[in-house]
Amino acid sequence: MQRKEKNKTNECYLTYNTMSNQLPTFIIAALFKESLVIAQETSTGAFQIKEQVKDNKINPEAALPAPAKKWFLGDNKKNIIILVKDTTAFFVNDEWLGTLSKLLAACKLNLGDVAIINYLHNNISFASIKEELKPQRVFMFDVTTNELQMPFSIPHYQVQQYGGCTFMCAPGSTLSSITNTASVVAEKRKLWEKMKIIFAV
């Protein structure tokens, strides 16, 4: 009887030694039911997180970092920055967005070419904008150069070159599609004339 038990022990020992030392993922998940992170060794000898096991379920994306929150609207494909002050929306309200879309279309551009920044939610300097978005043209609606911590001021509709960029300021009322008084229409005409020069259309 004792000999049989000894043989059985040896048999188990041999069986274990012939197996890989790495247990399958589903067995490890059963052993650690709460939460487990599985790491994979890289060529440099460091370990990086491969997947996370929680409640016996593997979630490969659980260990990935959360994406950074986008702080501007558009894709900035042509490095055109549009700064607004809008108290009603995080980026820009639908009315202003409609006006901007029409102006851009007239210049053979679209929203994917620009980055629209609501200054009220992103109180940043031009230095930060330049570092992150590499602007070539900057349009400011009710946003001043002083607020962007720039060393000069410009009146509305004056085209100004600075730091490799073209700047122009305009009143926020020019983005309104509802208010079309004579004065607002005159302001919109001034804006459009300057945009034609800047974009050569």
Protein backbone atom coordinates (compact mmCIF):
# COMPACT_ATOMS: atom_id res chain seq x y z
CA MET A 1 0.00 0.00 0.00
CA GLN A 2 2.76 2.36 0.91
CA ARG A 3 4.66 1.47 -2.25
CA LYS A 4 1.63 2.33 -4.39
CA GLU A 5 1.29 5.73 -2.76
CA LYS A 6 4.97 6.37 -3.30
CA ASN A 7 4.70 5.43 -6.96
CA LYS A 8 1.68 7.68 -7.37
CA THR A 9 3.64 10.56 -5.83
CA ASN A 10 6.55 9.98 -8.18
CA GLU A 11 4.15 9.80 -11.11
CA CYS A 12 2.64 13.17 -10.19
CA TYR A 13 6.12 14.64 -9.76
CA LEU A 14 7.19 13.44 -13.20
CA THR A 15 3.99 14.70 -14.77
CA TYR A 16 4.51 18.15 -13.22
CA ASN A 17 8.12 18.32 -14.43
CA THR A 18 7.10 17.55 -18.02
CA MET A 19 4.57 20.39 -18.01
CA SER A 20 5.37 24.04 -18.73
CA ASN A 21 6.00 26.09 -15.60
CA GLN A 22 3.51 28.71 -16.87
CA LEU A 23 -0.11 28.09 -15.94
CA PRO A 24 -2.89 28.85 -18.45
CA THR A 25 -4.63 32.19 -18.04
CA PHE A 26 -7.99 30.68 -17.09
CA ILE A 27 -6.40 28.76 -14.20
CA ILE A 28 -4.64 31.88 -12.92
CA ALA A 29 -7.96 33.74 -13.16
CA ALA A 30 -9.60 31.07 -11.04
CA LEU A 31 -6.86 31.33 -8.41
CA PHE A 32 -7.09 35.13 -8.20
CA LYS A 33 -10.78 35.89 -8.46
CA GLU A 34 -10.76 39.56 -7.53
CA SER A 35 -8.27 41.28 -9.78
CA LEU A 36 -5.03 40.31 -11.45
CA VAL A 37 -2.70 42.06 -13.86
CA ILE A 38 -0.70 39.86 -16.23
CA ALA A 39 2.58 41.39 -17.34
CA GLN A 40 4.69 40.48 -20.36
CA GLU A 41 8.46 40.79 -20.38
CA THR A 42 9.84 43.00 -23.15
CA SER A 43 13.14 42.59 -24.99
CA THR A 44 14.75 45.11 -22.63
CA GLY A 45 13.87 43.01 -19.59
CA ALA A 46 11.17 45.42 -18.43
CA PHE A 47 7.61 44.31 -17.86
CA GLN A 48 4.60 45.87 -19.49
CA ILE A 49 0.95 45.21 -18.73
CA LYS A 50 -0.50 42.75 -21.23
CA GLU A 51 -4.01 42.20 -19.93
CA GLN A 52 -6.04 42.45 -16.77
CA VAL A 53 -8.10 39.62 -15.32
CA LYS A 54 -11.06 40.61 -13.17
CA ASP A 55 -13.92 38.40 -11.99
CA ASN A 56 -12.56 35.52 -14.08
CA LYS A 57 -12.86 37.60 -17.26
CA ILE A 58 -9.94 38.91 -19.26
CA ASN A 59 -10.20 42.58 -20.21
CA PRO A 60 -7.24 43.50 -22.46
CA GLU A 61 -8.22 47.19 -22.57
CA ALA A 62 -8.59 47.63 -18.81
CA ALA A 63 -4.91 48.46 -18.36
CA LEU A 64 -4.74 50.98 -21.22
CA PRO A 65 -4.41 54.65 -20.21
CA ALA A 66 -7.47 56.86 -20.62
CA PRO A 67 -7.29 59.08 -23.73
CA ALA A 68 -6.57 62.75 -23.13
CA LYS A 69 -9.62 64.98 -23.29
CA LYS A 70 -9.73 66.98 -26.51
CA TRP A 71 -9.82 70.70 -25.77
CA PHE A 72 -10.61 71.99 -29.26
CA LEU A 73 -13.16 71.25 -31.99
CA GLY A 74 -11.88 70.15 -35.39
CA ASP A 75 -8.80 68.29 -36.62
CA ASN A 76 -6.44 71.25 -37.18
CA LYS A 77 -5.27 69.77 -40.50
CA LYS A 78 -4.25 73.17 -41.85
CA ASN A 79 -3.19 74.78 -38.57
CA ILE A 80 -5.96 77.39 -38.54
CA ILE A 81 -6.99 78.45 -35.04
CA ILE A 82 -10.36 80.04 -34.29
CA LEU A 83 -10.81 81.46 -30.79
CA VAL A 84 -14.26 82.34 -29.46
CA LYS A 85 -15.91 83.25 -26.18
CA ASP A 86 -19.11 81.23 -25.87
CA THR A 87 -20.98 81.01 -22.57
CA THR A 88 -23.57 78.59 -23.96
CA ALA A 89 -21.42 75.68 -25.21
CA PHE A 90 -18.22 73.86 -24.38
CA PHE A 91 -16.74 74.49 -27.85
CA VAL A 92 -19.14 76.67 -29.83
CA ASN A 93 -22.92 76.92 -30.20
CA ASP A 94 -24.71 75.67 -33.31
CA GLU A 95 -25.50 79.15 -34.61
CA TRP A 96 -21.89 80.30 -34.58
CA LEU A 97 -20.70 76.94 -35.88
CA GLY A 98 -23.05 77.29 -38.85
CA THR A 99 -21.66 80.73 -39.68
CA LEU A 100 -18.07 79.52 -39.34
CA SER A 101 -18.81 76.51 -41.56
CA LYS A 102 -20.18 78.79 -44.31
CA LEU A 103 -17.19 81.15 -44.08
CA LEU A 104 -14.76 78.23 -44.24
CA ALA A 105 -16.59 76.64 -47.17
CA ALA A 106 -16.36 79.96 -49.05
CA CYS A 107 -12.59 79.77 -48.48
CA LYS A 108 -12.53 76.13 -49.71
CA LEU A 109 -11.97 74.85 -46.17
CA ASN A 110 -13.95 72.78 -43.68
CA LEU A 111 -14.09 72.12 -39.94
CA GLY A 112 -11.45 69.40 -40.25
CA ASP A 113 -8.93 72.06 -41.31
CA VAL A 114 -9.31 74.17 -38.16
CA ALA A 115 -9.17 74.02 -34.37
CA ILE A 116 -11.98 75.93 -32.65
CA ILE A 117 -11.12 76.87 -29.06
CA ASN A 118 -13.56 78.34 -26.56
CA TYR A 119 -11.37 80.70 -24.55
CA LEU A 120 -13.82 80.68 -21.63
CA HIS A 121 -13.11 76.98 -21.07
CA ASN A 122 -9.44 77.07 -22.09
CA ASN A 123 -7.81 80.15 -20.60
CA ILE A 124 -4.45 79.58 -22.29
CA SER A 125 -1.65 81.67 -23.72
CA PHE A 126 -0.59 81.92 -27.34
CA ALA A 127 2.68 80.22 -26.36
CA SER A 128 0.73 77.11 -25.33
CA ILE A 129 -1.35 77.19 -28.51
CA LYS A 130 1.77 77.56 -30.61
CA GLU A 131 3.52 74.66 -28.89
CA GLU A 132 0.60 72.23 -29.23
CA LEU A 133 -1.19 73.26 -32.43
CA LYS A 134 1.54 74.91 -34.56
CA PRO A 135 -0.81 77.66 -35.85
CA GLN A 136 -0.31 79.50 -39.14
CA ARG A 137 -3.47 81.62 -39.01
CA VAL A 138 -5.32 82.75 -35.89
CA PHE A 139 -8.81 84.30 -35.87
CA MET A 140 -10.02 85.79 -32.59
CA PHE A 141 -13.67 86.59 -31.95
CA ASP A 142 -14.01 88.74 -28.81
CA VAL A 143 -10.62 87.36 -27.67
CA THR A 144 -7.79 89.89 -27.43
CA THR A 145 -4.07 89.50 -27.89
CA ASN A 146 -3.63 90.69 -24.29
CA GLU A 147 -5.70 87.75 -23.05
CA LEU A 148 -3.39 85.43 -24.99
CA GLN A 149 -0.42 87.07 -23.22
CA MET A 150 0.98 88.55 -26.42
CA PRO A 151 3.13 91.71 -26.41
CA PHE A 152 0.92 93.83 -28.70
CA SER A 153 -2.67 94.85 -29.40
CA ILE A 154 -4.48 95.04 -32.72
CA PRO A 155 -7.81 96.63 -33.64
CA HIS A 156 -10.58 94.66 -35.31
CA TYR A 157 -9.90 93.54 -38.88
CA GLN A 158 -6.24 94.53 -38.87
CA VAL A 159 -4.17 91.67 -40.26
CA GLN A 160 -1.05 91.26 -38.15
CA GLN A 161 2.00 89.02 -38.58
CA TYR A 162 3.71 87.68 -35.47
CA GLY A 163 5.74 84.59 -34.65
CA GLY A 164 5.20 83.08 -38.09
CA CYS A 165 1.40 83.48 -37.79
CA THR A 166 -1.24 85.70 -39.34
CA PHE A 167 -3.64 87.23 -36.78
CA MET A 168 -6.98 88.95 -37.06
CA CYS A 169 -9.54 90.01 -34.44
CA ALA A 170 -13.27 90.50 -34.99
CA PRO A 171 -16.36 91.04 -32.82
CA GLY A 172 -18.22 87.93 -31.74
CA SER A 173 -21.41 89.42 -33.22
CA THR A 174 -20.10 88.66 -36.72
CA LEU A 175 -20.74 84.97 -36.03
CA SER A 176 -24.44 85.52 -35.40
CA SER A 177 -26.80 84.26 -38.08
CA ILE A 178 -29.92 85.55 -36.32
CA THR A 179 -29.01 89.19 -35.69
CA ASN A 180 -28.70 90.88 -39.08
CA THR A 181 -29.00 94.57 -38.33
CA ALA A 182 -27.29 96.99 -40.68
CA SER A 183 -24.32 97.33 -38.34
CA VAL A 184 -23.87 93.55 -37.97
CA VAL A 185 -24.10 93.06 -41.73
CA ALA A 186 -21.42 95.75 -42.17
CA GLU A 187 -19.17 93.93 -39.67
CA LYS A 188 -19.68 90.62 -41.47
CA ARG A 189 -18.71 92.27 -44.75
CA LYS A 190 -15.48 93.55 -43.18
CA LEU A 191 -14.72 90.08 -41.83
CA TRP A 192 -15.30 88.44 -45.19
CA GLU A 193 -13.14 90.98 -47.06
CA LYS A 194 -10.22 90.25 -44.71
CA MET A 195 -10.71 86.49 -44.93
CA LYS A 196 -10.57 86.71 -48.74
CA ILE A 197 -7.20 88.44 -48.47
CA ILE A 198 -5.82 86.02 -45.87
CA PHE A 199 -6.87 82.91 -47.81
CA ALA A 200 -6.38 84.44 -51.28
CA VAL A 201 -9.87 83.63 -52.53
